[in-house]
Amino acid sequence: MSQKTLTGSCLCGGVEYAVTGELQRFYHCHCSRCRKSSGTGHASNLVVKAGAVDWTRGKDLLGVWKVPEAERFYNQFCTRCGSPLPRVVPQLGMVVVPAGSLDVDPGMQPQARIFWQSRSDWSCARDGLPVFDAYP
């Protein structure tokens, strides 16, 4: 995979970013943490390997909340509007980018629905994407 730069921002425009790295995966995650952090039936996240985030605007507006019992899961968001923003997972050498925060087309379509057994009954119907009960 080649290096790619993805740019995005929050809802209020106070935070802007550029993530550079190798675009690896694009998943709709139905785990309870992603559902609660997104406020929807699933979170749509891109995984960028060996990624780095350049906060080009509003770094001082970033908020972080870590799930106490989680090894790696935390939320990074704009403290003004609450929009989810990219988060670095140093243990895995990757950046998780909320797809809804992108201002550009990533050039990749979702590849799978993960943690399918955790989905809410009212959530998305199966749409032809492969489904997995954990990470594939």
Protein backbone atom coordinates (compact mmCIF):
# COMPACT_ATOMS: atom_id res chain seq x y z
CA MET A 1 0.00 0.00 0.00
CA SER A 2 1.18 3.51 -0.69
CA GLN A 3 1.09 6.53 1.57
CA LYS A 4 -2.07 8.59 1.42
CA THR A 5 -3.15 11.81 3.12
CA LEU A 6 -6.72 12.19 4.31
CA THR A 7 -8.04 15.55 5.48
CA GLY A 8 -11.04 16.30 7.62
CA SER A 9 -12.64 18.49 10.23
CA CYS A 10 -15.26 18.66 12.94
CA LEU A 11 -18.85 19.89 12.60
CA CYS A 12 -18.13 23.44 13.78
CA GLY A 13 -14.93 23.72 11.72
CA GLY A 14 -12.85 24.52 14.78
CA VAL A 15 -10.62 21.46 14.34
CA GLU A 16 -8.99 20.42 11.07
CA TYR A 17 -6.55 17.59 10.49
CA ALA A 18 -4.47 15.69 7.97
CA VAL A 19 -3.73 11.98 8.50
CA THR A 20 -0.91 10.44 6.46
CA GLY A 21 -0.17 6.74 6.28
CA GLU A 22 -1.14 3.48 4.59
CA LEU A 23 -4.90 3.11 4.30
CA GLN A 24 -5.54 -0.46 5.45
CA ARG A 25 -9.19 -1.08 6.29
CA PHE A 26 -12.61 0.52 6.27
CA TYR A 27 -15.12 -1.12 8.62
CA HIS A 28 -18.55 -0.46 10.02
CA CYS A 29 -18.11 -1.47 13.67
CA HIS A 30 -21.21 -2.54 15.61
CA CYS A 31 -19.56 -3.06 19.03
CA SER A 32 -21.25 -1.34 21.97
CA ARG A 33 -18.36 1.10 22.46
CA CYS A 34 -18.49 2.31 18.86
CA ARG A 35 -22.28 2.56 18.98
CA LYS A 36 -22.19 4.63 22.13
CA SER A 37 -19.31 6.84 21.01
CA SER A 38 -20.98 7.59 17.67
CA GLY A 39 -24.57 7.74 18.89
CA THR A 40 -25.58 5.57 15.93
CA GLY A 41 -25.99 1.89 15.05
CA HIS A 42 -22.33 1.58 14.09
CA ALA A 43 -19.18 3.62 13.67
CA SER A 44 -17.64 3.83 10.21
CA ASN A 45 -13.89 3.91 10.69
CA LEU A 46 -10.85 3.86 8.45
CA VAL A 47 -7.67 2.32 9.78
CA VAL A 48 -4.44 3.98 8.68
CA LYS A 49 -1.28 1.98 9.36
CA ALA A 50 1.87 3.80 10.44
CA GLY A 51 -0.27 6.88 10.44
CA ALA A 52 0.43 10.30 11.83
CA VAL A 53 -2.06 13.08 12.58
CA ASP A 54 -1.23 16.70 11.85
CA TRP A 55 -3.71 18.94 13.65
CA THR A 56 -3.77 21.84 11.19
CA ARG A 57 -6.29 23.87 13.16
CA GLY A 58 -7.83 23.83 16.63
CA LYS A 59 -5.57 21.37 18.46
CA ASP A 60 -6.49 23.23 21.66
CA LEU A 61 -10.13 22.19 21.14
CA LEU A 62 -9.35 18.45 21.33
CA GLY A 63 -10.86 16.45 24.14
CA VAL A 64 -10.07 12.87 25.09
CA TRP A 65 -12.00 10.33 27.11
CA LYS A 66 -10.67 6.83 27.69
CA VAL A 67 -12.89 3.93 28.63
CA PRO A 68 -11.32 2.99 32.02
CA GLU A 69 -11.46 -0.79 31.55
CA ALA A 70 -10.41 -0.73 27.90
CA GLU A 71 -6.87 -1.50 26.88
CA ARG A 72 -6.85 0.79 23.83
CA PHE A 73 -10.29 2.33 23.29
CA TYR A 74 -10.68 6.05 23.76
CA ASN A 75 -12.56 8.87 22.12
CA GLN A 76 -11.01 11.98 20.70
CA PHE A 77 -13.45 14.77 19.88
CA CYS A 78 -13.96 18.50 19.44
CA THR A 79 -14.84 20.01 22.82
CA ARG A 80 -16.91 22.71 21.10
CA CYS A 81 -19.23 20.59 18.91
CA GLY A 82 -18.56 17.01 20.09
CA SER A 83 -17.60 15.60 16.68
CA PRO A 84 -15.51 12.40 16.79
CA LEU A 85 -11.98 12.92 15.44
CA PRO A 86 -9.02 10.66 14.58
CA ARG A 87 -7.29 8.83 17.39
CA VAL A 88 -3.84 7.33 17.46
CA VAL A 89 -3.48 3.75 18.73
CA PRO A 90 0.27 3.57 19.38
CA GLN A 91 0.14 -0.07 20.59
CA LEU A 92 -0.99 -1.07 17.09
CA GLY A 93 0.89 1.57 15.10
CA MET A 94 -2.27 2.96 13.55
CA VAL A 95 -4.71 5.85 13.43
CA VAL A 96 -8.46 5.27 13.51
CA VAL A 97 -10.26 7.89 11.42
CA PRO A 98 -14.02 8.40 11.81
CA ALA A 99 -15.13 8.36 8.18
CA GLY A 100 -17.82 10.98 8.78
CA SER A 101 -15.16 13.53 9.73
CA LEU A 102 -13.44 13.32 6.34
CA ASP A 103 -13.56 16.26 3.93
CA VAL A 104 -12.20 14.12 1.08
CA ASP A 105 -13.12 10.82 -0.54
CA PRO A 106 -10.83 8.17 0.96
CA GLY A 107 -10.82 6.22 -2.30
CA MET A 108 -11.98 3.08 -0.50
CA GLN A 109 -15.42 1.64 0.21
CA PRO A 110 -16.40 -0.13 3.45
CA GLN A 111 -15.09 -3.69 3.43
CA ALA A 112 -17.04 -5.37 6.23
CA ARG A 113 -19.30 -5.08 9.23
CA ILE A 114 -17.50 -6.13 12.38
CA PHE A 115 -18.80 -7.17 15.81
CA TRP A 116 -22.04 -8.02 14.02
CA GLN A 117 -23.44 -10.04 16.95
CA SER A 118 -23.23 -6.88 19.09
CA ARG A 119 -25.45 -4.87 16.77
CA SER A 120 -28.75 -3.46 17.92
CA ASP A 121 -31.85 -5.08 16.46
CA TRP A 122 -32.95 -1.72 15.04
CA SER A 123 -29.59 -1.15 13.34
CA CYS A 124 -28.64 -1.70 9.72
CA ALA A 125 -29.83 -4.68 7.79
CA ARG A 126 -27.21 -6.86 6.21
CA ASP A 127 -26.32 -5.19 2.91
CA GLY A 128 -24.05 -7.64 1.18
CA LEU A 129 -20.90 -6.67 3.07
CA PRO A 130 -19.16 -9.55 4.84
CA VAL A 131 -19.97 -9.74 8.55
CA PHE A 132 -17.69 -10.83 11.37
CA ASP A 133 -18.29 -11.30 15.10
CA ALA A 134 -14.84 -9.90 15.88
CA TYR A 135 -11.93 -8.46 13.92
CA PRO A 136 -11.42 -10.45 10.71
